[in-house]
């Protein structure tokens, strides 16, 4: 009985917090179906005459379908590359003893403290010398490896009992078989967690695609949204329609992998 007031207060605070976090998304959706919404229009959460004309205008007057396909392709390719390189490197740091392993791992993690802005110029010069400016490969190559992914998956692999490796070794299994059939299936939650983080990072990437891509048909979604802000300065319904479209894939991915994300973060020891 004594805890009921505290529990009620906690539930009330959680509801208020949830509503505060959901309000911007509700406002975005409402504005996207409000024809002619702008700075001078009276804001309404429930439009009097909702319409999807902003979405129609978005796809008819801009190459938005191609932009979405560009972002999907780059995000999926980046995610697959980072999953491959990070899982292999994590297995090496977790299971293969070699001299200086701790130092190498620490140096590799130290690269996480270097912001992209510092690397933009040397990366651009490198991509220019390789002839990859205004090329999807030029966007993809700098993100093939991820120090965060190696750290996350290495922490998860360290929690896998080494007795399983020893039993597989006695049965004649090599490192590749142990990696593919024993370790990877046991760290599936961590893999799913990192896949969501990787996809989200690539999907929302703005600075590097802005620098390396020049053609309008190669643009990714964040670049196209920035272009909408300049092209439709007062047409907030069109801008919010583009924002809704950019949010939906990430929402779907998160909802699909939600249980794996919670389990993966818990098992990998990241607080």
Protein backbone atom coordinates (compact mmCIF):
# COMPACT_ATOMS: atom_id res chain seq x y z
CA UNK A 1 0.00 0.00 0.00
CA UNK A 2 2.81 2.40 0.82
CA UNK A 3 4.38 1.94 -2.60
CA UNK A 4 1.21 2.68 -4.57
CA UNK A 5 1.65 6.50 -4.59
CA UNK A 6 5.29 6.13 -5.69
CA UNK A 7 4.29 3.65 -8.40
CA UNK A 8 1.52 5.93 -9.62
CA UNK A 9 3.91 8.89 -9.71
CA UNK A 10 6.46 6.83 -11.62
CA UNK A 11 3.87 5.70 -14.18
CA UNK A 12 2.64 9.27 -14.60
CA UNK A 13 6.20 10.53 -15.14
CA UNK A 14 6.85 7.79 -17.71
CA UNK A 15 3.65 8.65 -19.58
CA UNK A 16 4.57 12.35 -19.66
CA UNK A 17 8.07 11.48 -20.89
CA UNK A 18 6.71 9.15 -23.58
CA UNK A 19 4.27 11.81 -24.80
CA UNK A 20 7.03 14.42 -24.88
CA UNK A 21 9.21 12.13 -26.99
CA UNK A 22 6.36 11.12 -29.31
CA UNK A 23 5.07 14.66 -29.86
CA UNK A 24 7.69 15.69 -32.51
CA UNK A 25 6.87 12.59 -34.58
CA UNK A 26 3.13 13.29 -34.31
CA UNK A 27 3.73 16.90 -35.32
CA UNK A 28 5.79 15.80 -38.32
CA UNK A 29 3.09 13.41 -39.55
CA UNK A 30 0.35 15.98 -38.96
CA UNK A 31 2.21 18.68 -40.88
CA UNK A 32 2.93 16.32 -43.78
CA UNK A 33 -0.82 15.78 -44.37
CA UNK A 34 -1.75 19.45 -43.89
CA UNK A 35 -1.96 21.04 -47.38
CA UNK A 36 -0.12 24.34 -47.62
CA UNK A 37 1.33 24.16 -44.11
CA UNK A 38 3.86 26.90 -43.53
CA UNK A 39 5.26 29.33 -41.01
CA UNK A 40 2.24 31.60 -41.33
CA UNK A 41 -0.32 28.78 -41.01
CA UNK A 42 -2.04 28.04 -37.71
CA UNK A 43 -0.49 24.83 -36.36
CA UNK A 44 -2.96 21.96 -35.92
CA UNK A 45 -2.26 18.48 -34.67
CA UNK A 46 -5.44 17.22 -36.37
CA UNK A 47 -5.79 18.83 -39.83
CA UNK A 48 -9.26 19.94 -40.93
CA UNK A 49 -8.79 18.52 -44.44
CA UNK A 50 -5.91 16.01 -44.42
CA UNK A 51 -4.36 15.27 -47.78
CA UNK A 52 -1.43 13.30 -49.19
CA UNK A 53 -0.74 15.92 -51.87
CA UNK A 54 2.64 16.71 -50.29
CA UNK A 55 3.77 13.11 -50.81
CA UNK A 56 2.55 13.21 -54.42
CA UNK A 57 4.42 16.45 -55.06
CA UNK A 58 7.52 15.04 -53.39
CA UNK A 59 7.72 12.07 -55.77
CA UNK A 60 6.57 13.86 -58.92
CA UNK A 61 8.73 16.99 -58.76
CA UNK A 62 11.86 15.42 -57.28
CA UNK A 63 13.67 12.08 -57.99
CA UNK A 64 12.81 10.91 -54.47
CA UNK A 65 12.31 7.26 -55.42
CA UNK A 66 15.87 7.13 -56.78
CA UNK A 67 17.14 8.90 -53.65
CA UNK A 68 15.49 6.31 -51.38
CA UNK A 69 16.96 3.49 -53.48
CA UNK A 70 20.42 5.10 -53.19
CA UNK A 71 20.19 5.30 -49.41
CA UNK A 72 18.88 1.75 -49.09
CA UNK A 73 21.63 0.34 -51.29
CA UNK A 74 24.43 2.16 -49.48
CA UNK A 75 23.03 1.39 -46.02
CA UNK A 76 22.64 -2.33 -46.76
CA UNK A 77 26.09 -2.58 -48.37
CA UNK A 78 27.72 -0.72 -45.48
CA UNK A 79 25.96 -2.90 -42.91
CA UNK A 80 26.99 -6.15 -44.61
CA UNK A 81 30.62 -5.00 -44.99
CA UNK A 82 30.87 -3.87 -41.37
CA UNK A 83 29.27 -7.05 -40.07
CA UNK A 84 31.80 -9.13 -42.01
CA UNK A 85 34.94 -7.18 -41.12
CA UNK A 86 33.94 -6.50 -37.51
CA UNK A 87 32.98 -10.10 -36.73
CA UNK A 88 36.22 -11.46 -38.20
CA UNK A 89 38.35 -8.89 -36.37
CA UNK A 90 36.41 -9.46 -33.13
CA UNK A 91 37.04 -13.20 -33.36
CA UNK A 92 40.75 -12.59 -33.86
CA UNK A 93 40.94 -10.29 -30.83
CA UNK A 94 38.84 -12.65 -28.73
CA UNK A 95 40.17 -16.08 -29.70
CA UNK A 96 43.58 -15.80 -31.38
CA UNK A 97 46.48 -15.13 -28.98
CA UNK A 98 49.23 -13.04 -30.52
CA UNK A 99 51.89 -10.71 -29.16
CA UNK A 100 50.66 -7.16 -28.61
CA UNK A 101 46.99 -8.06 -28.97
CA UNK A 102 45.93 -5.75 -26.13
CA UNK A 103 47.96 -2.83 -27.49
CA UNK A 104 46.64 -3.26 -31.01
CA UNK A 105 43.08 -3.47 -29.73
CA UNK A 106 43.54 -0.33 -27.61
CA UNK A 107 44.99 1.58 -30.57
CA UNK A 108 42.13 0.41 -32.75
CA UNK A 109 39.59 1.61 -30.20
CA UNK A 110 41.42 4.93 -29.95
CA UNK A 111 40.38 5.68 -33.55
CA UNK A 112 36.82 6.09 -32.24
CA UNK A 113 37.93 9.37 -30.64
CA UNK A 114 38.94 10.87 -34.01
CA UNK A 115 36.00 12.86 -35.47
CA UNK A 116 35.16 12.53 -39.15
CA UNK A 117 35.77 16.24 -39.71
CA UNK A 118 39.48 15.68 -39.07
CA UNK A 119 39.66 12.92 -41.68
CA UNK A 120 37.59 14.56 -44.39
CA UNK A 121 40.49 16.17 -46.30
CA UNK A 122 42.85 13.14 -46.40
CA UNK A 123 39.92 10.84 -47.21
CA UNK A 124 38.82 13.06 -50.07
CA UNK A 125 42.35 13.24 -51.47
CA UNK A 126 42.61 9.45 -51.28
CA UNK A 127 39.26 8.92 -53.02
CA UNK A 128 40.21 11.50 -55.67
CA UNK A 129 43.48 9.71 -56.40
CA UNK A 130 41.56 6.44 -56.73
CA UNK A 131 39.07 8.05 -59.10
CA UNK A 132 36.14 7.44 -56.76
CA UNK A 133 34.77 10.98 -56.45
CA UNK A 134 31.06 11.08 -57.38
CA UNK A 135 30.95 7.31 -57.03
CA UNK A 136 29.05 5.04 -54.67
CA UNK A 137 32.25 3.14 -53.93
CA UNK A 138 33.83 6.36 -52.69
CA UNK A 139 31.00 6.68 -50.15
CA UNK A 140 31.23 3.03 -49.14
CA UNK A 141 34.98 2.42 -48.70
CA UNK A 142 35.66 4.67 -45.66
CA UNK A 143 32.89 2.87 -43.77
CA UNK A 144 33.87 -0.73 -44.53
CA UNK A 145 35.35 -1.22 -41.04
CA UNK A 146 34.00 -0.09 -37.68
CA UNK A 147 35.97 0.13 -34.44
CA UNK A 148 32.73 0.24 -32.45
CA UNK A 149 31.54 -2.93 -34.16
CA UNK A 150 34.77 -4.75 -33.31
CA UNK A 151 34.47 -3.66 -29.67
CA UNK A 152 30.81 -4.66 -29.39
CA UNK A 153 31.26 -8.08 -31.01
CA UNK A 154 34.50 -8.81 -29.18
CA UNK A 155 32.76 -8.20 -25.85
CA UNK A 156 29.99 -10.58 -26.90
CA UNK A 157 32.45 -13.25 -28.09
CA UNK A 158 34.38 -13.07 -24.83
CA UNK A 159 31.21 -14.24 -23.06
CA UNK A 160 31.07 -17.43 -25.16
CA UNK A 161 32.61 -20.32 -23.15
CA UNK A 162 35.97 -21.36 -24.54
CA UNK A 163 35.19 -24.97 -23.65
CA UNK A 164 33.02 -25.04 -26.76
CA UNK A 165 36.05 -24.10 -28.88
CA UNK A 166 38.15 -26.79 -27.23
CA UNK A 167 35.48 -29.43 -27.83
CA UNK A 168 35.20 -28.43 -31.47
CA UNK A 169 39.00 -28.47 -31.85
CA UNK A 170 39.10 -32.04 -30.49
CA UNK A 171 36.54 -32.98 -33.16
CA UNK A 172 38.86 -31.56 -35.82
CA UNK A 173 37.27 -28.15 -36.41
CA UNK A 174 39.47 -25.24 -37.42
CA UNK A 175 39.08 -21.58 -36.59
CA UNK A 176 36.86 -20.85 -39.59
CA UNK A 177 34.42 -23.62 -38.66
CA UNK A 178 34.41 -22.62 -35.00
CA UNK A 179 33.79 -19.03 -35.99
CA UNK A 180 30.93 -19.84 -38.39
CA UNK A 181 29.14 -22.67 -36.59
CA UNK A 182 29.74 -22.01 -32.89
CA UNK A 183 30.67 -18.43 -32.08
CA UNK A 184 28.51 -16.49 -34.57
CA UNK A 185 25.23 -18.27 -33.72
CA UNK A 186 25.81 -17.55 -30.02
CA UNK A 187 26.37 -13.83 -30.56
CA UNK A 188 23.36 -13.30 -32.84
CA UNK A 189 21.82 -10.63 -30.54
CA UNK A 190 25.04 -8.61 -30.66
CA UNK A 191 25.17 -8.98 -34.45
CA UNK A 192 21.58 -7.75 -34.74
CA UNK A 193 22.33 -4.82 -32.44
CA UNK A 194 25.35 -3.77 -34.43
CA UNK A 195 23.45 -4.22 -37.71
CA UNK A 196 20.83 -1.72 -36.53
CA UNK A 197 23.48 0.76 -35.40
CA UNK A 198 25.39 0.38 -38.67
CA UNK A 199 22.29 0.75 -40.83
CA UNK A 200 21.19 3.80 -38.85
CA UNK A 201 24.60 5.46 -39.13
CA UNK A 202 24.76 4.94 -42.90
CA UNK A 203 21.12 5.95 -43.43
CA UNK A 204 21.61 9.24 -41.57
CA UNK A 205 25.10 10.02 -42.89
CA UNK A 206 25.30 13.53 -44.32
CA UNK A 207 28.78 15.05 -44.27
CA UNK A 208 30.76 12.45 -46.22
CA UNK A 209 28.13 11.88 -48.98
CA UNK A 210 27.82 15.67 -49.29
CA UNK A 211 31.55 15.93 -49.98
CA UNK A 212 32.06 12.92 -52.24
CA UNK A 213 28.85 12.94 -54.32
CA UNK A 214 28.28 15.61 -56.95
CA UNK A 215 25.42 14.37 -59.17
CA UNK A 216 21.79 14.85 -58.16
CA UNK A 217 20.88 11.29 -59.20
CA UNK A 218 23.47 9.88 -56.77
CA UNK A 219 22.19 11.79 -53.75
CA UNK A 220 21.24 10.04 -50.52
CA UNK A 221 18.18 10.84 -48.43
CA UNK A 222 19.79 13.33 -45.99
CA UNK A 223 21.17 15.32 -48.93
CA UNK A 224 17.79 15.34 -50.64
CA UNK A 225 16.09 16.55 -47.45
CA UNK A 226 18.62 19.37 -47.19
CA UNK A 227 17.82 20.26 -50.80
CA UNK A 228 14.11 20.37 -49.99
CA UNK A 229 14.77 22.96 -47.33
CA UNK A 230 16.29 25.24 -49.93
CA UNK A 231 13.78 24.48 -52.68
CA UNK A 232 10.62 24.55 -50.58
CA UNK A 233 11.43 27.18 -47.97
CA UNK A 234 7.83 27.71 -46.84
CA UNK A 235 6.27 24.40 -47.94
CA UNK A 236 6.66 22.59 -44.64
CA UNK A 237 4.19 19.90 -45.66
CA UNK A 238 6.56 18.74 -48.41
CA UNK A 239 9.57 18.88 -46.10
CA UNK A 240 7.75 16.94 -43.38
CA UNK A 241 6.60 14.36 -45.93
CA UNK A 242 10.24 13.73 -46.77
CA UNK A 243 11.08 13.51 -43.07
CA UNK A 244 8.32 10.94 -42.47
CA UNK A 245 9.64 8.81 -45.33
CA UNK A 246 13.16 8.98 -43.89
CA UNK A 247 11.94 7.92 -40.43
CA UNK A 248 9.82 4.92 -41.47
CA UNK A 249 12.65 2.53 -42.51
CA UNK A 250 14.57 3.11 -39.29
CA UNK A 251 11.41 2.65 -37.24
CA UNK A 252 10.69 -0.64 -39.01
CA UNK A 253 14.24 -1.90 -38.51
CA UNK A 254 14.23 -0.99 -34.83
CA UNK A 255 10.84 -2.59 -34.15
CA UNK A 256 11.94 -5.76 -35.93
CA UNK A 257 15.20 -6.04 -33.99
CA UNK A 258 14.12 -4.51 -30.68
CA UNK A 259 14.41 -7.67 -28.59
CA UNK A 260 17.82 -8.45 -30.12
CA UNK A 261 19.07 -4.93 -29.36
CA UNK A 262 18.17 -5.18 -25.66
CA UNK A 263 19.62 -8.68 -25.37
CA UNK A 264 22.72 -7.78 -27.38
CA UNK A 265 23.59 -4.72 -25.31
CA UNK A 266 23.03 -6.71 -22.11
CA UNK A 267 25.21 -9.65 -23.13
CA UNK A 268 28.01 -7.51 -24.54
CA UNK A 269 28.48 -5.66 -21.25
CA UNK A 270 27.91 -2.16 -22.66
CA UNK A 271 26.25 0.16 -20.17
